[in-house]
Amino acid sequence: MFEGAEAVYNATFEKFNQNPELKKKLLDTGNMIIVQCYDKDNILGCGCSKKELNEWFEQNHGKVIKVPIGSQIHSEKARRIGKGRNLLGYICMSIREQFRQDEADLNAFKALSLL
């Protein structure tokens, strides 16, 4: 991940990690795609209006959308959402996955310590 994207990742991670209510809201999104819908930002956001974003989702309904995780977030190969790179959305989805993995690791450790 490039320095700028890494700084946004770290700040966003801490935002959710320090606030249990926000962390729960993030985890409650399940496997939904998270999009920063802002028409004037095609790097952190989708670069289009809510209407255009809904049209994009309609056009891509039923298609598999691979979500980049970790260092793949900044890759040029990362799927564009709407007209933008949606880095903030991908970062939130990556953090959500990290929280899930941390919880799974903790549960596995607890199970081992009970043996």
Foldseek 3Di string as FASTA:
>chain_A
DDPVLVVLLVVVLCVLVVDVVNVVVLLVVPPDQFADADLVDQELGLNRHPVQLVVQCVVCPPPDQDQDADPCLPPPPHDRRRNHSNSNRSSSNNSSVVVVVVVVVVVVVVVVVVD
